[in-house]
Amino acid sequence: MNTQQPAPISVAIVEDNAEICESLEQIINDAPGFACVGTFRNTATACSKIPRLNPQLVIMDIQMPGASGIVCTAKLKQALPELSIIMFTVFEDAEQIFKALKAGASGYLLKSATPEKLLDALQEIVRGGAPMSEEIARKVIQSFHKPPPTPQSEPLTPREEDVLRLLARGHSAKEIGHQLYISSGTVSNHLKHIYRKLHVRSRVEAVINYLE
């Protein structure tokens, strides 16, 4: 009996550096379960053609010719709300990070990340995560302070606070479960309660709420 293989995860790349773009394309195409469906050297072309390709994921540089990758991210999210975009950049200042996340990015990795880290991040995004490089997470944590709960918000439990703090540091659900000695399913349940209490719909929104 033949078992039909699941379709590969489709990925588009927006990167103006030819060497980096070709390297990313090779990493994606060599990885089981992934397929690169397009590469773009400027954001104007990316914003025009990516909606027609309708990929599941986009790897996006920030510093691009013409409009920035952050502007392109916002436009693509308007056209394709379900599209997941991970920023892949040399920028690691908090302002750029939050501009990218508010534009709709699902994750933020530095270009110093290994191919394995990049692929792990893409898998995490597919599972609903919001991966960030450790360097990025540290800078974000150092730059922002958590405000006290507003009177209208239902306070988080100590365990939910633990989960949200680790989430803000860029940990996956599996990693959070390992650190807190609980299952990934329990982590997911905590996240559902956190979303409800913070009035958010995603991990990225929860992290922004926590840090701002």
Protein backbone atom coordinates (compact mmCIF):
# COMPACT_ATOMS: atom_id res chain seq x y z
CA MET A 1 0.00 0.00 0.00
CA ASN A 2 1.48 3.36 -1.05
CA THR A 3 1.44 6.10 1.53
CA GLN A 4 1.24 9.58 0.09
CA GLN A 5 3.98 11.85 1.40
CA PRO A 6 2.87 15.21 2.79
CA ALA A 7 3.57 18.21 0.59
CA PRO A 8 6.79 20.04 1.48
CA ILE A 9 6.62 23.32 3.36
CA SER A 10 6.88 26.06 0.73
CA VAL A 11 9.38 28.84 1.45
CA ALA A 12 10.16 32.13 -0.32
CA ILE A 13 13.36 34.09 0.30
CA VAL A 14 13.72 37.89 0.22
CA GLU A 15 17.45 38.69 0.35
CA ASP A 16 19.48 41.11 -1.78
CA ASN A 17 22.88 39.51 -1.15
CA ALA A 18 23.35 36.94 -3.94
CA GLU A 19 25.67 34.66 -1.96
CA ILE A 20 23.43 34.57 1.11
CA CYS A 21 20.33 34.12 -1.05
CA GLU A 22 21.84 31.15 -2.90
CA SER A 23 23.02 29.63 0.39
CA LEU A 24 19.55 29.93 1.93
CA GLU A 25 17.96 28.43 -1.17
CA GLN A 26 20.31 25.44 -1.00
CA ILE A 27 19.68 24.96 2.73
CA ILE A 28 15.92 24.95 2.17
CA ASN A 29 15.96 22.63 -0.84
CA ASP A 30 18.37 20.20 0.82
CA ALA A 31 16.24 19.94 3.97
CA PRO A 32 13.63 17.15 4.05
CA GLY A 33 10.10 18.53 4.07
CA PHE A 34 10.98 21.97 2.67
CA ALA A 35 10.97 23.48 -0.81
CA CYS A 36 12.05 26.94 -1.96
CA VAL A 37 9.42 28.33 -4.35
CA GLY A 38 11.03 31.67 -5.11
CA THR A 39 13.90 34.05 -4.32
CA PHE A 40 13.67 37.84 -4.53
CA ARG A 41 16.45 40.45 -4.49
CA ASN A 42 14.18 43.46 -3.85
CA THR A 43 11.00 44.06 -1.89
CA ALA A 44 9.01 45.55 -4.78
CA THR A 45 9.21 42.29 -6.71
CA ALA A 46 8.65 40.27 -3.54
CA CYS A 47 5.46 42.18 -2.65
CA SER A 48 4.19 41.71 -6.20
CA LYS A 49 4.96 38.04 -6.75
CA ILE A 50 4.85 36.34 -3.35
CA PRO A 51 1.04 36.67 -2.98
CA ARG A 52 0.65 34.75 -6.25
CA LEU A 53 3.03 32.02 -5.08
CA ASN A 54 1.23 31.85 -1.70
CA PRO A 55 4.10 30.16 0.23
CA GLN A 56 3.71 29.05 3.82
CA LEU A 57 6.88 30.78 5.03
CA VAL A 58 9.03 33.74 4.00
CA ILE A 59 12.62 34.37 5.09
CA MET A 60 12.96 38.16 5.07
CA ASP A 61 16.02 40.41 5.25
CA ILE A 62 15.47 43.89 6.74
CA GLN A 63 17.98 46.04 4.85
CA MET A 64 16.79 45.78 1.25
CA PRO A 65 16.96 48.04 -1.83
CA GLY A 66 13.98 50.39 -1.91
CA ALA A 67 11.43 49.64 0.79
CA SER A 68 12.75 47.78 3.84
CA GLY A 69 11.95 44.20 4.72
CA ILE A 70 9.77 45.50 7.56
CA VAL A 71 7.61 47.46 5.11
CA CYS A 72 7.45 44.41 2.84
CA THR A 73 6.44 42.25 5.80
CA ALA A 74 3.50 44.54 6.60
CA LYS A 75 2.32 44.52 2.97
CA LEU A 76 2.59 40.75 2.64
CA LYS A 77 0.67 40.20 5.88
CA GLN A 78 -2.12 42.42 4.55
CA ALA A 79 -2.31 40.33 1.39
CA LEU A 80 -1.74 36.96 3.08
CA PRO A 81 -2.78 37.12 6.78
CA GLU A 82 -1.89 33.44 7.35
CA LEU A 83 1.63 33.83 5.93
CA SER A 84 4.46 33.30 8.42
CA ILE A 85 7.51 35.54 8.03
CA ILE A 86 10.83 35.19 9.85
CA MET A 87 13.26 38.07 9.82
CA PHE A 88 16.82 36.95 9.00
CA THR A 89 19.11 39.92 9.53
CA VAL A 90 22.23 41.45 11.04
CA PHE A 91 20.17 44.00 13.00
CA GLU A 92 19.78 43.24 16.69
CA ASP A 93 18.56 46.50 18.21
CA ALA A 94 15.26 46.46 20.08
CA GLU A 95 13.63 49.11 17.87
CA GLN A 96 14.11 47.07 14.69
CA ILE A 97 12.95 43.90 16.47
CA PHE A 98 9.67 45.44 17.59
CA LYS A 99 9.04 47.16 14.29
CA ALA A 100 9.39 43.77 12.60
CA LEU A 101 7.17 41.95 15.10
CA LYS A 102 4.49 44.64 14.93
CA ALA A 103 4.60 44.48 11.14
CA GLY A 104 3.62 40.83 11.44
CA ALA A 105 6.86 38.84 11.64
CA SER A 106 6.57 35.48 13.38
CA GLY A 107 10.22 35.25 14.41
CA TYR A 108 13.56 37.00 14.33
CA LEU A 109 16.95 35.34 13.70
CA LEU A 110 20.41 36.78 13.23
CA LYS A 111 22.35 35.84 10.09
CA SER A 112 24.96 34.29 12.36
CA ALA A 113 22.50 31.47 13.10
CA THR A 114 23.53 28.03 11.87
CA PRO A 115 21.55 26.24 9.12
CA GLU A 116 20.29 23.85 11.80
CA LYS A 117 19.03 26.75 13.92
CA LEU A 118 17.30 28.29 10.89
CA LEU A 119 15.53 25.03 10.00
CA ASP A 120 14.55 24.49 13.63
CA ALA A 121 13.08 28.02 13.66
CA LEU A 122 11.08 27.36 10.50
CA GLN A 123 9.71 24.14 12.00
CA GLU A 124 8.83 26.01 15.18
CA ILE A 125 6.92 28.67 13.22
CA VAL A 126 4.97 25.95 11.39
CA ARG A 127 3.97 24.58 14.81
CA GLY A 128 2.78 28.03 15.88
CA GLY A 129 5.90 29.22 17.69
CA ALA A 130 7.73 32.54 17.63
CA PRO A 131 11.46 31.76 17.55
CA MET A 132 14.13 34.37 18.27
CA SER A 133 17.90 34.14 18.41
CA GLU A 134 19.19 34.06 21.98
CA GLU A 135 21.06 37.32 21.37
CA ILE A 136 17.84 38.96 20.21
CA ALA A 137 15.84 37.66 23.16
CA ARG A 138 18.45 38.97 25.61
CA LYS A 139 18.39 42.44 24.07
CA VAL A 140 14.61 42.56 24.16
CA ILE A 141 14.51 41.45 27.79
CA GLN A 142 17.15 44.04 28.74
CA SER A 143 15.35 46.86 26.90
CA PHE A 144 11.84 46.48 28.29
CA HIS A 145 10.25 46.05 31.70
CA LYS A 146 7.10 44.13 32.41
CA PRO A 147 4.29 46.43 33.60
CA PRO A 148 1.96 45.40 36.41
CA PRO A 149 -1.34 43.86 35.30
CA THR A 150 -4.02 46.42 34.53
CA PRO A 151 -7.13 46.27 36.73
CA GLN A 152 -9.13 45.04 33.71
CA SER A 153 -6.74 42.12 33.09
CA GLU A 154 -7.07 38.80 34.86
CA PRO A 155 -3.72 38.20 36.61
CA LEU A 156 -1.52 35.37 35.42
CA THR A 157 -0.71 32.48 37.73
CA PRO A 158 2.93 32.00 38.78
CA ARG A 159 3.22 29.07 36.35
CA GLU A 160 1.76 31.12 33.50
CA GLU A 161 4.28 33.86 34.34
CA ASP A 162 7.06 31.27 34.07
CA VAL A 163 5.80 30.09 30.69
CA LEU A 164 5.46 33.62 29.33
CA ARG A 165 8.90 34.65 30.57
CA LEU A 166 10.54 31.68 28.81
CA LEU A 167 8.46 32.36 25.71
CA ALA A 168 9.75 35.94 25.64
CA ARG A 169 13.30 34.57 25.73
CA GLY A 170 12.68 32.73 22.49
CA HIS A 171 12.14 29.19 23.82
CA SER A 172 9.91 26.72 22.02
CA ALA A 173 7.03 24.92 23.73
CA LYS A 174 9.19 21.78 23.95
CA GLU A 175 12.05 23.72 25.55
CA ILE A 176 9.68 25.43 27.99
CA GLY A 177 8.25 22.07 28.99
CA HIS A 178 11.74 20.66 29.53
CA GLN A 179 12.79 23.58 31.74
CA LEU A 180 9.59 23.54 33.79
CA TYR A 181 9.32 19.71 33.89
CA ILE A 182 5.91 19.69 32.25
CA SER A 183 4.63 18.26 28.95
CA SER A 184 4.32 20.25 25.72
CA GLY A 185 0.55 19.74 25.97
CA THR A 186 0.51 21.37 29.39
CA VAL A 187 2.55 24.26 27.98
CA SER A 188 -0.03 24.66 25.20
CA ASN A 189 -2.84 24.76 27.77
CA HIS A 190 -1.00 27.44 29.73
CA LEU A 191 -0.54 29.44 26.51
CA LYS A 192 -4.28 29.28 25.78
CA HIS A 193 -5.01 30.70 29.23
CA ILE A 194 -2.33 33.39 28.77
CA TYR A 195 -3.84 34.44 25.41
CA ARG A 196 -7.29 34.71 26.97
CA LYS A 197 -6.11 36.73 29.95
CA LEU A 198 -3.96 39.09 27.87
CA HIS A 199 -6.59 39.39 25.12
CA VAL A 200 -4.14 38.31 22.39
CA ARG A 201 -4.27 35.69 19.64
CA SER A 202 -0.65 34.62 19.09
CA ARG A 203 2.68 34.07 20.81
CA VAL A 204 4.14 37.15 19.17
CA GLU A 205 1.30 39.34 20.51
CA ALA A 206 1.72 37.77 23.96
CA VAL A 207 5.46 38.54 23.98
CA ILE A 208 4.88 42.13 22.81
CA ASN A 209 2.22 42.56 25.52
CA TYR A 210 4.62 41.17 28.13
CA LEU A 211 7.59 43.32 27.10
CA GLU A 212 5.85 46.62 26.39
